[in-house]
């Protein structure tokens, strides 16, 4: 598939376009990623274009004011996360249209044991 990549939630209400190389994918087992199935693809925020209205996104803020877990309020699909250094956004690579994630190279990150947990839900 050629760039830019188009991503969408399950119901199609949220659509995003990312113009970057599809590399550096990370699967994490922290308390939020293991529940949502988020597959991290960290990209520069300037390479991400929201194709639908921003007001359609819902956000869950857990540990800090700079971060946010953004998802579709209709189908609950997690789309992206903010709060990373160097103006990076983590995009959920599982939302890329016409891509089989089983064909991608994915690293694992032990967020369950490596990350400071903050207040537990």
PDB file of N, CA and C in Angstrom:
ATOM      1  N   UNK A   1       0.841  -1.187   0.000  1.00  0.00           N
ATOM      2  CA  UNK A   1       0.000   0.000   0.000  1.00  0.00           C
ATOM      3  C   UNK A   1       0.883   1.247   0.000  1.00  0.00           C
ATOM      4  N   UNK A   2       0.449   2.241  -0.696  1.00  0.00           N
ATOM      5  CA  UNK A   2       1.228   3.467  -0.808  1.00  0.00           C
ATOM      6  C   UNK A   2       0.800   4.500   0.220  1.00  0.00           C
ATOM      7  N   UNK A   3       1.736   5.378   0.527  1.00  0.00           N
ATOM      8  CA  UNK A   3       1.454   6.500   1.416  1.00  0.00           C
ATOM      9  C   UNK A   3       0.644   7.539   0.675  1.00  0.00           C
ATOM     10  N   UNK A   4      -0.114   8.349   1.349  1.00  0.00           N
ATOM     11  CA  UNK A   4      -0.378   8.282   2.780  1.00  0.00           C
ATOM     12  C   UNK A   4      -1.314   7.122   3.120  1.00  0.00           C
ATOM     13  N   UNK A   5      -1.202   6.666   4.367  1.00  0.00           N
ATOM     14  CA  UNK A   5      -2.066   5.606   4.855  1.00  0.00           C
ATOM     15  C   UNK A   5      -3.353   6.226   5.396  1.00  0.00           C
ATOM     16  N   UNK A   6      -4.454   5.579   5.119  1.00  0.00           N
ATOM     17  CA  UNK A   6      -5.738   6.024   5.650  1.00  0.00           C
ATOM     18  C   UNK A   6      -6.133   5.072   6.774  1.00  0.00           C
ATOM     19  N   UNK A   7      -6.579   5.648   7.875  1.00  0.00           N
ATOM     20  CA  UNK A   7      -7.019   4.874   9.021  1.00  0.00           C
ATOM     21  C   UNK A   7      -8.437   5.282   9.372  1.00  0.00           C
ATOM     22  N   UNK A   8      -9.174   4.347   9.917  1.00  0.00           N
ATOM     23  CA  UNK A   8     -10.529   4.670  10.351  1.00  0.00           C
ATOM     24  C   UNK A   8     -10.916   3.783  11.523  1.00  0.00           C
ATOM     25  N   UNK A   9     -11.930   4.247  12.248  1.00  0.00           N
ATOM     26  CA  UNK A   9     -12.475   3.447  13.336  1.00  0.00           C
ATOM     27  C   UNK A   9     -13.403   2.390  12.738  1.00  0.00           C
ATOM     28  N   UNK A  10     -13.960   1.540  13.560  1.00  0.00           N
ATOM     29  CA  UNK A  10     -14.796   0.447  13.082  1.00  0.00           C
ATOM     30  C   UNK A  10     -16.058   0.936  12.376  1.00  0.00           C
ATOM     31  N   UNK A  11     -16.698   1.974  12.912  1.00  0.00           N
ATOM     32  CA  UNK A  11     -17.951   2.461  12.317  1.00  0.00           C
ATOM     33  C   UNK A  11     -17.726   3.477  11.201  1.00  0.00           C
ATOM     34  N   UNK A  12     -16.505   3.998  11.066  1.00  0.00           N
ATOM     35  CA  UNK A  12     -16.182   4.932  10.000  1.00  0.00           C
ATOM     36  C   UNK A  12     -16.403   6.398  10.320  1.00  0.00           C
ATOM     37  N   UNK A  13     -16.824   6.713  11.536  1.00  0.00           N
ATOM     38  CA  UNK A  13     -17.047   8.117  11.914  1.00  0.00           C
ATOM     39  C   UNK A  13     -15.753   8.914  12.053  1.00  0.00           C
ATOM     40  N   UNK A  14     -14.647   8.238  12.356  1.00  0.00           N
ATOM     41  CA  UNK A  14     -13.352   8.898  12.508  1.00  0.00           C
ATOM     42  C   UNK A  14     -12.421   8.388  11.415  1.00  0.00           C
ATOM     43  N   UNK A  15     -11.788   9.316  10.714  1.00  0.00           N
ATOM     44  CA  UNK A  15     -10.820   8.954   9.673  1.00  0.00           C
ATOM     45  C   UNK A  15      -9.591   9.845   9.809  1.00  0.00           C
ATOM     46  N   UNK A  16      -8.428   9.236   9.623  1.00  0.00           N
ATOM     47  CA  UNK A  16      -7.140   9.912   9.759  1.00  0.00           C
ATOM     48  C   UNK A  16      -6.268   9.487   8.586  1.00  0.00           C
ATOM     49  N   UNK A  17      -5.380  10.376   8.190  1.00  0.00           N
ATOM     50  CA  UNK A  17      -4.410  10.083   7.144  1.00  0.00           C
ATOM     51  C   UNK A  17      -3.018  10.304   7.729  1.00  0.00           C
ATOM     52  N   UNK A  18      -2.108   9.371   7.467  1.00  0.00           N
ATOM     53  CA  UNK A  18      -0.732   9.470   7.963  1.00  0.00           C
ATOM     54  C   UNK A  18       0.217   9.312   6.792  1.00  0.00           C
ATOM     55  N   UNK A  19       1.085  10.292   6.614  1.00  0.00           N
ATOM     56  CA  UNK A  19       2.064  10.263   5.539  1.00  0.00           C
ATOM     57  C   UNK A  19       3.447  10.023   6.138  1.00  0.00           C
ATOM     58  N   UNK A  20       3.718   8.761   6.459  1.00  0.00           N
ATOM     59  CA  UNK A  20       5.003   8.385   7.049  1.00  0.00           C
ATOM     60  C   UNK A  20       5.269   6.918   6.724  1.00  0.00           C
ATOM     61  N   UNK A  21       6.520   6.499   6.934  1.00  0.00           N
ATOM     62  CA  UNK A  21       6.881   5.096   6.721  1.00  0.00           C
ATOM     63  C   UNK A  21       6.224   4.240   7.797  1.00  0.00           C
ATOM     64  N   UNK A  22       5.735   3.091   7.415  1.00  0.00           N
ATOM     65  CA  UNK A  22       5.083   2.174   8.341  1.00  0.00           C
ATOM     66  C   UNK A  22       6.140   1.279   8.980  1.00  0.00           C
ATOM     67  N   UNK A  23       6.856   1.856   9.959  1.00  0.00           N
ATOM     68  CA  UNK A  23       7.923   1.143  10.651  1.00  0.00           C
ATOM     69  C   UNK A  23       7.835   1.444  12.144  1.00  0.00           C
ATOM     70  N   UNK A  24       8.557   0.648  12.923  1.00  0.00           N
ATOM     71  CA  UNK A  24       8.644   0.899  14.357  1.00  0.00           C
ATOM     72  C   UNK A  24       7.380   0.577  15.130  1.00  0.00           C
ATOM     73  N   UNK A  25       6.603  -0.392  14.676  1.00  0.00           N
ATOM     74  CA  UNK A  25       5.368  -0.752  15.371  1.00  0.00           C
ATOM     75  C   UNK A  25       5.674  -1.470  16.675  1.00  0.00           C
ATOM     76  N   UNK A  26       4.920  -1.108  17.717  1.00  0.00           N
ATOM     77  CA  UNK A  26       5.171  -1.667  19.048  1.00  0.00           C
ATOM     78  C   UNK A  26       3.858  -2.123  19.682  1.00  0.00           C
ATOM     79  N   UNK A  27       3.863  -3.360  20.145  1.00  0.00           N
ATOM     80  CA  UNK A  27       2.747  -3.925  20.895  1.00  0.00           C
ATOM     81  C   UNK A  27       3.134  -3.865  22.371  1.00  0.00           C
ATOM     82  N   UNK A  28       2.270  -3.297  23.201  1.00  0.00           N
ATOM     83  CA  UNK A  28       2.569  -3.062  24.616  1.00  0.00           C
ATOM     84  C   UNK A  28       1.555  -3.806  25.489  1.00  0.00           C
ATOM     85  N   UNK A  29       1.999  -4.235  26.666  1.00  0.00           N
ATOM     86  CA  UNK A  29       1.119  -4.945  27.584  1.00  0.00           C
ATOM     87  C   UNK A  29       0.794  -4.145  28.849  1.00  0.00           C
ATOM     88  N   UNK A  30       0.886  -2.807  28.768  1.00  0.00           N
ATOM     89  CA  UNK A  30       0.544  -1.982  29.930  1.00  0.00           C
ATOM     90  C   UNK A  30      -0.967  -2.069  30.186  1.00  0.00           C
ATOM     91  N   UNK A  31      -1.421  -1.458  31.243  1.00  0.00           N
ATOM     92  CA  UNK A  31      -2.818  -1.604  31.654  1.00  0.00           C
ATOM     93  C   UNK A  31      -3.821  -1.099  30.622  1.00  0.00           C
ATOM     94  N   UNK A  32      -3.464  -0.065  29.850  1.00  0.00           N
ATOM     95  CA  UNK A  32      -4.416   0.427  28.851  1.00  0.00           C
ATOM     96  C   UNK A  32      -4.256  -0.296  27.511  1.00  0.00           C
ATOM     97  N   UNK A  33      -3.040  -0.496  27.057  1.00  0.00           N
ATOM     98  CA  UNK A  33      -2.827  -1.142  25.750  1.00  0.00           C
ATOM     99  C   UNK A  33      -3.343  -2.573  25.722  1.00  0.00           C
ATOM    100  N   UNK A  34      -3.130  -3.319  26.800  1.00  0.00           N
ATOM    101  CA  UNK A  34      -3.576  -4.710  26.793  1.00  0.00           C
ATOM    102  C   UNK A  34      -5.094  -4.810  26.760  1.00  0.00           C
ATOM    103  N   UNK A  35      -5.770  -3.796  27.285  1.00  0.00           N
ATOM    104  CA  UNK A  35      -7.233  -3.808  27.264  1.00  0.00           C
ATOM    105  C   UNK A  35      -7.797  -3.349  25.914  1.00  0.00           C
ATOM    106  N   UNK A  36      -7.120  -2.398  25.298  1.00  0.00           N
ATOM    107  CA  UNK A  36      -7.659  -1.831  24.054  1.00  0.00           C
ATOM    108  C   UNK A  36      -7.097  -2.478  22.795  1.00  0.00           C
ATOM    109  N   UNK A  37      -5.986  -3.191  22.900  1.00  0.00           N
ATOM    110  CA  UNK A  37      -5.363  -3.786  21.721  1.00  0.00           C
ATOM    111  C   UNK A  37      -4.630  -2.775  20.856  1.00  0.00           C
ATOM    112  N   UNK A  38      -4.255  -1.650  21.436  1.00  0.00           N
ATOM    113  CA  UNK A  38      -3.588  -0.574  20.711  1.00  0.00           C
ATOM    114  C   UNK A  38      -2.242  -1.057  20.187  1.00  0.00           C
ATOM    115  N   UNK A  39      -1.979  -0.831  18.909  1.00  0.00           N
ATOM    116  CA  UNK A  39      -0.705  -1.169  18.273  1.00  0.00           C
ATOM    117  C   UNK A  39      -0.027   0.139  17.888  1.00  0.00           C
ATOM    118  N   UNK A  40       1.012   0.518  18.624  1.00  0.00           N
ATOM    119  CA  UNK A  40       1.640   1.829  18.501  1.00  0.00           C
ATOM    120  C   UNK A  40       2.446   1.992  17.218  1.00  0.00           C
ATOM    121  N   UNK A  41       2.184   3.108  16.571  1.00  0.00           N
ATOM    122  CA  UNK A  41       2.965   3.565  15.419  1.00  0.00           C
ATOM    123  C   UNK A  41       3.224   5.043  15.684  1.00  0.00           C
ATOM    124  N   UNK A  42       4.396   5.355  16.235  1.00  0.00           N
ATOM    125  CA  UNK A  42       4.706   6.734  16.622  1.00  0.00           C
ATOM    126  C   UNK A  42       5.212   7.515  15.418  1.00  0.00           C
ATOM    127  N   UNK A  43       4.531   8.633  15.161  1.00  0.00           N
ATOM    128  CA  UNK A  43       4.859   9.480  14.020  1.00  0.00           C
ATOM    129  C   UNK A  43       4.868  10.942  14.454  1.00  0.00           C
ATOM    130  N   UNK A  44       5.503  11.765  13.675  1.00  0.00           N
ATOM    131  CA  UNK A  44       5.499  13.206  13.928  1.00  0.00           C
ATOM    132  C   UNK A  44       4.077  13.730  13.717  1.00  0.00           C
ATOM    133  N   UNK A  45       3.625  14.569  14.625  1.00  0.00           N
ATOM    134  CA  UNK A  45       2.250  15.101  14.553  1.00  0.00           C
ATOM    135  C   UNK A  45       1.975  15.814  13.232  1.00  0.00           C
ATOM    136  N   UNK A  46       2.989  16.405  12.639  1.00  0.00           N
ATOM    137  CA  UNK A  46       2.810  17.121  11.375  1.00  0.00           C
ATOM    138  C   UNK A  46       2.469  16.174  10.223  1.00  0.00           C
ATOM    139  N   UNK A  47       2.699  14.878  10.391  1.00  0.00           N
ATOM    140  CA  UNK A  47       2.417  13.905   9.344  1.00  0.00           C
ATOM    141  C   UNK A  47       1.038  13.260   9.484  1.00  0.00           C
ATOM    142  N   UNK A  48       0.268  13.758  10.462  1.00  0.00           N
ATOM    143  CA  UNK A  48      -1.062  13.216  10.726  1.00  0.00           C
ATOM    144  C   UNK A  48      -2.107  14.259  10.366  1.00  0.00           C
ATOM    145  N   UNK A  49      -3.102  13.835   9.602  1.00  0.00           N
ATOM    146  CA  UNK A  49      -4.176  14.737   9.202  1.00  0.00           C
ATOM    147  C   UNK A  49      -5.511  14.100   9.590  1.00  0.00           C
ATOM    148  N   UNK A  50      -6.268  14.789  10.424  1.00  0.00           N
ATOM    149  CA  UNK A  50      -7.593  14.330  10.798  1.00  0.00           C
ATOM    150  C   UNK A  50      -8.545  14.660   9.659  1.00  0.00           C
ATOM    151  N   UNK A  51      -9.184  13.651   9.077  1.00  0.00           N
ATOM    152  CA  UNK A  51     -10.056  13.846   7.920  1.00  0.00           C
ATOM    153  C   UNK A  51     -11.503  14.125   8.323  1.00  0.00           C
ATOM    154  N   UNK A  52     -11.843  13.804   9.540  1.00  0.00           N
ATOM    155  CA  UNK A  52     -13.192  14.054  10.046  1.00  0.00           C
ATOM    156  C   UNK A  52     -13.132  15.166  11.092  1.00  0.00           C
ATOM    157  N   UNK A  53     -14.265  15.605  11.538  1.00  0.00           N
ATOM    158  CA  UNK A  53     -14.308  16.707  12.507  1.00  0.00           C
ATOM    159  C   UNK A  53     -13.719  16.308  13.843  1.00  0.00           C
ATOM    160  N   UNK A  54     -12.925  17.193  14.405  1.00  0.00           N
ATOM    161  CA  UNK A  54     -12.260  16.952  15.678  1.00  0.00           C
ATOM    162  C   UNK A  54     -13.259  16.697  16.805  1.00  0.00           C
ATOM    163  N   UNK A  55     -14.398  17.336  16.728  1.00  0.00           N
ATOM    164  CA  UNK A  55     -15.374  17.192  17.807  1.00  0.00           C
ATOM    165  C   UNK A  55     -15.961  15.785  17.881  1.00  0.00           C
ATOM    166  N   UNK A  56     -15.735  14.980  16.855  1.00  0.00           N
ATOM    167  CA  UNK A  56     -16.212  13.598  16.885  1.00  0.00           C
ATOM    168  C   UNK A  56     -15.348  12.702  17.758  1.00  0.00           C
ATOM    169  N   UNK A  57     -14.122  13.113  18.058  1.00  0.00           N
ATOM    170  CA  UNK A  57     -13.226  12.313  18.899  1.00  0.00           C
ATOM    171  C   UNK A  57     -13.573  12.476  20.372  1.00  0.00           C
ATOM    172  N   UNK A  58     -13.486  11.404  21.107  1.00  0.00           N
ATOM    173  CA  UNK A  58     -13.575  11.460  22.561  1.00  0.00           C
ATOM    174  C   UNK A  58     -12.183  11.186  23.103  1.00  0.00           C
ATOM    175  N   UNK A  59     -11.902  11.677  24.297  1.00  0.00           N
ATOM    176  CA  UNK A  59     -10.578  11.504  24.885  1.00  0.00           C
ATOM    177  C   UNK A  59     -10.681  11.002  26.309  1.00  0.00           C
ATOM    178  N   UNK A  60      -9.732  10.175  26.658  1.00  0.00           N
ATOM    179  CA  UNK A  60      -9.590   9.681  28.019  1.00  0.00           C
ATOM    180  C   UNK A  60      -8.223  10.133  28.507  1.00  0.00           C
ATOM    181  N   UNK A  61      -8.196  10.925  29.554  1.00  0.00           N
ATOM    182  CA  UNK A  61      -6.947  11.424  30.134  1.00  0.00           C
ATOM    183  C   UNK A  61      -6.745  10.681  31.451  1.00  0.00           C
ATOM    184  N   UNK A  62      -5.609  10.007  31.583  1.00  0.00           N
ATOM    185  CA  UNK A  62      -5.413   9.200  32.769  1.00  0.00           C
ATOM    186  C   UNK A  62      -4.336   9.758  33.683  1.00  0.00           C
ATOM    187  N   UNK A  63      -3.103   9.843  33.205  1.00  0.00           N
ATOM    188  CA  UNK A  63      -2.007  10.200  34.100  1.00  0.00           C
ATOM    189  C   UNK A  63      -1.564  11.649  34.025  1.00  0.00           C
ATOM    190  N   UNK A  64      -1.739  12.306  32.909  1.00  0.00           N
ATOM    191  CA  UNK A  64      -1.196  13.648  32.788  1.00  0.00           C
ATOM    192  C   UNK A  64      -2.020  14.518  31.871  1.00  0.00           C
ATOM    193  N   UNK A  65      -1.859  15.811  32.017  1.00  0.00           N
ATOM    194  CA  UNK A  65      -2.639  16.746  31.226  1.00  0.00           C
ATOM    195  C   UNK A  65      -2.199  16.821  29.770  1.00  0.00           C
ATOM    196  N   UNK A  66      -0.961  16.438  29.474  1.00  0.00           N
ATOM    197  CA  UNK A  66      -0.457  16.516  28.102  1.00  0.00           C
ATOM    198  C   UNK A  66      -0.810  15.305  27.260  1.00  0.00           C
ATOM    199  N   UNK A  67      -1.238  14.247  27.892  1.00  0.00           N
ATOM    200  CA  UNK A  67      -1.512  13.041  27.131  1.00  0.00           C
ATOM    201  C   UNK A  67      -3.008  12.888  26.921  1.00  0.00           C
ATOM    202  N   UNK A  68      -3.357  12.073  26.009  1.00  0.00           N
ATOM    203  CA  UNK A  68      -4.758  11.781  25.776  1.00  0.00           C
ATOM    204  C   UNK A  68      -4.901  10.536  24.943  1.00  0.00           C
ATOM    205  N   UNK A  69      -5.849   9.715  25.295  1.00  0.00           N
ATOM    206  CA  UNK A  69      -6.180   8.517  24.546  1.00  0.00           C
ATOM    207  C   UNK A  69      -7.434   8.873  23.764  1.00  0.00           C
ATOM    208  N   UNK A  70      -7.317   9.019  22.467  1.00  0.00           N
ATOM    209  CA  UNK A  70      -8.415   9.500  21.631  1.00  0.00           C
ATOM    210  C   UNK A  70      -9.088   8.321  20.930  1.00  0.00           C
ATOM    211  N   UNK A  71     -10.411   8.290  21.000  1.00  0.00           N
ATOM    212  CA  UNK A  71     -11.163   7.165  20.473  1.00  0.00           C
ATOM    213  C   UNK A  71     -12.501   7.636  19.919  1.00  0.00           C
ATOM    214  N   UNK A  72     -13.140   6.760  19.160  1.00  0.00           N
ATOM    215  CA  UNK A  72     -14.451   7.064  18.594  1.00  0.00           C
ATOM    216  C   UNK A  72     -15.516   6.831  19.672  1.00  0.00           C
ATOM    217  N   UNK A  73     -16.367   7.828  19.922  1.00  0.00           N
ATOM    218  CA  UNK A  73     -17.395   7.654  20.940  1.00  0.00           C
ATOM    219  C   UNK A  73     -18.527   6.721  20.507  1.00  0.00           C
ATOM    220  N   UNK A  74     -18.625   6.426  19.223  1.00  0.00           N
ATOM    221  CA  UNK A  74     -19.686   5.550  18.729  1.00  0.00           C
ATOM    222  C   UNK A  74     -19.306   4.080  18.849  1.00  0.00           C
ATOM    223  N   UNK A  75     -18.138   3.703  18.302  1.00  0.00           N
ATOM    224  CA  UNK A  75     -17.733   2.289  18.301  1.00  0.00           C
ATOM    225  C   UNK A  75     -16.615   1.978  19.292  1.00  0.00           C
ATOM    226  N   UNK A  76     -16.071   2.994  19.946  1.00  0.00           N
ATOM    227  CA  UNK A  76     -15.033   2.863  20.988  1.00  0.00           C
ATOM    228  C   UNK A  76     -13.659   2.456  20.470  1.00  0.00           C
ATOM    229  N   UNK A  77     -13.433   2.499  19.177  1.00  0.00           N
ATOM    230  CA  UNK A  77     -12.127   2.134  18.632  1.00  0.00           C
ATOM    231  C   UNK A  77     -11.082   3.179  19.011  1.00  0.00           C
ATOM    232  N   UNK A  78      -9.964   2.760  19.650  1.00  0.00           N
ATOM    233  CA  UNK A  78      -8.895   3.705  19.950  1.00  0.00           C
ATOM    234  C   UNK A  78      -8.148   4.077  18.671  1.00  0.00           C
ATOM    235  N   UNK A  79      -7.978   5.380  18.436  1.00  0.00           N
ATOM    236  CA  UNK A  79      -7.377   5.859  17.191  1.00  0.00           C
ATOM    237  C   UNK A  79      -5.946   6.355  17.397  1.00  0.00           C
ATOM    238  N   UNK A  80      -5.748   7.217  18.398  1.00  0.00           N
ATOM    239  CA  UNK A  80      -4.417   7.791  18.608  1.00  0.00           C
ATOM    240  C   UNK A  80      -4.215   8.203  20.058  1.00  0.00           C
ATOM    241  N   UNK A  81      -2.958   8.416  20.406  1.00  0.00           N
ATOM    242  CA  UNK A  81      -2.581   8.849  21.746  1.00  0.00           C
ATOM    243  C   UNK A  81      -1.553   9.965  21.637  1.00  0.00           C
ATOM    244  N   UNK A  82      -1.686  10.933  22.515  1.00  0.00           N
ATOM    245  CA  UNK A  82      -0.743  12.047  22.548  1.00  0.00           C
ATOM    246  C   UNK A  82       0.051  12.038  23.837  1.00  0.00           C
ATOM    247  N   UNK A  83       0.888  13.058  23.993  1.00  0.00           N
ATOM    248  CA  UNK A  83       1.671  13.199  25.206  1.00  0.00           C
ATOM    249  C   UNK A  83       3.081  12.657  25.123  1.00  0.00           C
ATOM    250  N   UNK A  84       3.564  12.418  23.916  1.00  0.00           N
ATOM    251  CA  UNK A  84       4.917  11.904  23.738  1.00  0.00           C
ATOM    252  C   UNK A  84       5.870  13.056  23.441  1.00  0.00           C
ATOM    253  N   UNK A  85       7.141  12.893  23.770  1.00  0.00           N
ATOM    254  CA  UNK A  85       8.112  13.968  23.493  1.00  0.00           C
ATOM    255  C   UNK A  85       8.329  14.169  21.997  1.00  0.00           C
ATOM    256  N   UNK A  86       8.927  15.291  21.663  1.00  0.00           N
ATOM    257  CA  UNK A  86       9.300  15.625  20.282  1.00  0.00           C
ATOM    258  C   UNK A  86       8.104  15.702  19.338  1.00  0.00           C
ATOM    259  N   UNK A  87       6.951  16.131  19.861  1.00  0.00           N
ATOM    260  CA  UNK A  87       5.750  16.336  19.047  1.00  0.00           C
ATOM    261  C   UNK A  87       5.313  15.061  18.312  1.00  0.00           C
ATOM    262  N   UNK A  88       5.452  13.920  18.971  1.00  0.00           N
ATOM    263  CA  UNK A  88       5.044  12.641  18.390  1.00  0.00           C
ATOM    264  C   UNK A  88       3.618  12.295  18.828  1.00  0.00           C
ATOM    265  N   UNK A  89       2.946  11.555  17.981  1.00  0.00           N
ATOM    266  CA  UNK A  89       1.629  11.003  18.265  1.00  0.00           C
ATOM    267  C   UNK A  89       1.723   9.506  18.003  1.00  0.00           C
ATOM    268  N   UNK A  90       1.081   8.726  18.834  1.00  0.00           N
ATOM    269  CA  UNK A  90       1.032   7.296  18.591  1.00  0.00           C
ATOM    270  C   UNK A  90      -0.297   6.973  17.922  1.00  0.00           C
ATOM    271  N   UNK A  91      -0.203   6.422  16.747  1.00  0.00           N
ATOM    272  CA  UNK A  91      -1.364   6.060  15.945  1.00  0.00           C
ATOM    273  C   UNK A  91      -1.614   4.562  16.120  1.00  0.00           C
ATOM    274  N   UNK A  92      -2.871   4.161  16.188  1.00  0.00           N
ATOM    275  CA  UNK A  92      -3.198   2.747  16.301  1.00  0.00           C
ATOM    276  C   UNK A  92      -3.109   2.099  14.916  1.00  0.00           C
ATOM    277  N   UNK A  93      -2.023   1.379  14.674  1.00  0.00           N
ATOM    278  CA  UNK A  93      -1.790   0.770  13.367  1.00  0.00           C
ATOM    279  C   UNK A  93      -2.841  -0.275  13.014  1.00  0.00           C
ATOM    280  N   UNK A  94      -3.576  -0.770  13.999  1.00  0.00           N
ATOM    281  CA  UNK A  94      -4.645  -1.726  13.714  1.00  0.00           C
ATOM    282  C   UNK A  94      -5.792  -1.080  12.940  1.00  0.00           C
ATOM    283  N   UNK A  95      -5.808   0.251  12.896  1.00  0.00           N
ATOM    284  CA  UNK A  95      -6.877   0.975  12.196  1.00  0.00           C
ATOM    285  C   UNK A  95      -6.532   1.300  10.746  1.00  0.00           C
ATOM    286  N   UNK A  96      -5.333   0.914  10.290  1.00  0.00           N
ATOM    287  CA  UNK A  96      -4.952   1.191   8.898  1.00  0.00           C
ATOM    288  C   UNK A  96      -5.833   0.359   7.976  1.00  0.00           C
ATOM    289  N   UNK A  97      -6.437   1.027   7.017  1.00  0.00           N
ATOM    290  CA  UNK A  97      -7.311   0.341   6.070  1.00  0.00           C
ATOM    291  C   UNK A  97      -6.501  -0.504   5.095  1.00  0.00           C
ATOM    292  N   UNK A  98      -7.017  -1.656   4.758  1.00  0.00           N
ATOM    293  CA  UNK A  98      -6.441  -2.565   3.763  1.00  0.00           C
ATOM    294  C   UNK A  98      -5.048  -3.080   4.117  1.00  0.00           C
ATOM    295  N   UNK A  99      -4.778  -3.216   5.414  1.00  0.00           N
ATOM    296  CA  UNK A  99      -3.497  -3.775   5.872  1.00  0.00           C
ATOM    297  C   UNK A  99      -3.802  -4.940   6.812  1.00  0.00           C
ATOM    298  N   UNK A 100      -3.107  -6.051   6.633  1.00  0.00           N
ATOM    299  CA  UNK A 100      -3.205  -7.174   7.548  1.00  0.00           C
ATOM    300  C   UNK A 100      -2.059  -7.037   8.546  1.00  0.00           C
ATOM    301  N   UNK A 101      -2.361  -6.715   9.788  1.00  0.00           N
ATOM    302  CA  UNK A 101      -1.296  -6.475  10.771  1.00  0.00           C
ATOM    303  C   UNK A 101      -0.452  -7.722  11.023  1.00  0.00           C
ATOM    304  N   UNK A 102      -0.958  -8.899  10.692  1.00  0.00           N
ATOM    305  CA  UNK A 102      -0.172 -10.117  10.865  1.00  0.00           C
ATOM    306  C   UNK A 102       1.003 -10.174   9.900  1.00  0.00           C
ATOM    307  N   UNK A 103       1.000  -9.332   8.870  1.00  0.00           N
ATOM    308  CA  UNK A 103       2.095  -9.312   7.895  1.00  0.00           C
ATOM    309  C   UNK A 103       3.166  -8.276   8.244  1.00  0.00           C
ATOM    310  N   UNK A 104       2.958  -7.509   9.322  1.00  0.00           N
ATOM    311  CA  UNK A 104       3.867  -6.427   9.687  1.00  0.00           C
ATOM    312  C   UNK A 104       4.871  -6.863  10.747  1.00  0.00           C
ATOM    313  N   UNK A 105       6.027  -6.228  10.738  1.00  0.00           N
ATOM    314  CA  UNK A 105       7.039  -6.480  11.756  1.00  0.00           C
ATOM    315  C   UNK A 105       6.677  -5.668  12.999  1.00  0.00           C
ATOM    316  N   UNK A 106       6.482  -6.359  14.125  1.00  0.00           N
ATOM    317  CA  UNK A 106       6.020  -5.713  15.350  1.00  0.00           C
ATOM    318  C   UNK A 106       6.930  -6.095  16.510  1.00  0.00           C
ATOM    319  N   UNK A 107       7.405  -5.089  17.229  1.00  0.00           N
ATOM    320  CA  UNK A 107       8.203  -5.315  18.431  1.00  0.00           C
ATOM    321  C   UNK A 107       7.273  -5.395  19.633  1.00  0.00           C
ATOM    322  N   UNK A 108       7.753  -5.972  20.700  1.00  0.00           N
ATOM    323  CA  UNK A 108       6.992  -6.014  21.945  1.00  0.00           C
ATOM    324  C   UNK A 108       7.672  -5.143  22.988  1.00  0.00           C
ATOM    325  N   UNK A 109       6.841  -4.478  23.800  1.00  0.00           N
ATOM    326  CA  UNK A 109       7.335  -3.642  24.890  1.00  0.00           C
ATOM    327  C   UNK A 109       6.624  -4.075  26.168  1.00  0.00           C
ATOM    328  N   UNK A 110       7.390  -4.362  27.206  1.00  0.00           N
ATOM    329  CA  UNK A 110       6.842  -4.815  28.479  1.00  0.00           C
ATOM    330  C   UNK A 110       6.467  -3.618  29.350  1.00  0.00           C
ATOM    331  N   UNK A 111       5.432  -2.904  28.930  1.00  0.00           N
ATOM    332  CA  UNK A 111       4.966  -1.742  29.675  1.00  0.00           C
ATOM    333  C   UNK A 111       4.403  -2.098  31.033  1.00  0.00           C
ATOM    334  N   UNK A 112       3.928  -3.308  31.173  1.00  0.00           N
ATOM    335  CA  UNK A 112       3.374  -3.754  32.456  1.00  0.00           C
ATOM    336  C   UNK A 112       4.419  -3.698  33.565  1.00  0.00           C
ATOM    337  N   UNK A 113       5.652  -4.062  33.242  1.00  0.00           N
ATOM    338  CA  UNK A 113       6.708  -4.088  34.245  1.00  0.00           C
ATOM    339  C   UNK A 113       7.689  -2.936  34.150  1.00  0.00           C
ATOM    340  N   UNK A 114       7.720  -2.254  33.016  1.00  0.00           N
ATOM    341  CA  UNK A 114       8.714  -1.206  32.792  1.00  0.00           C
ATOM    342  C   UNK A 114       8.200   0.210  33.064  1.00  0.00           C
ATOM    343  N   UNK A 115       6.910   0.435  32.898  1.00  0.00           N
ATOM    344  CA  UNK A 115       6.360   1.788  33.054  1.00  0.00           C
ATOM    345  C   UNK A 115       5.905   2.046  34.481  1.00  0.00           C
ATOM    346  N   UNK A 116       6.097   3.282  34.920  1.00  0.00           N
ATOM    347  CA  UNK A 116       5.527   3.703  36.193  1.00  0.00           C
ATOM    348  C   UNK A 116       4.010   3.682  36.050  1.00  0.00           C
ATOM    349  N   UNK A 117       3.303   2.939  36.892  1.00  0.00           N
ATOM    350  CA  UNK A 117       1.887   2.738  36.653  1.00  0.00           C
ATOM    351  C   UNK A 117       0.979   3.929  36.958  1.00  0.00           C
ATOM    352  N   UNK A 118       1.404   4.843  37.814  1.00  0.00           N
ATOM    353  CA  UNK A 118       0.492   5.907  38.198  1.00  0.00           C
ATOM    354  C   UNK A 118      -0.651   5.320  39.014  1.00  0.00           C
ATOM    355  N   UNK A 119      -1.689   6.081  39.248  1.00  0.00           N
ATOM    356  CA  UNK A 119      -2.810   5.526  40.017  1.00  0.00           C
ATOM    357  C   UNK A 119      -3.516   4.441  39.222  1.00  0.00           C
ATOM    358  N   UNK A 120      -3.693   3.306  39.814  1.00  0.00           N
ATOM    359  CA  UNK A 120      -4.311   2.191  39.116  1.00  0.00           C
ATOM    360  C   UNK A 120      -5.819   2.353  39.079  1.00  0.00           C
ATOM    361  N   UNK A 121      -6.415   2.006  37.931  1.00  0.00           N
ATOM    362  CA  UNK A 121      -7.876   2.116  37.806  1.00  0.00           C
ATOM    363  C   UNK A 121      -8.564   1.010  38.586  1.00  0.00           C
TER     364      UNK A 121
END
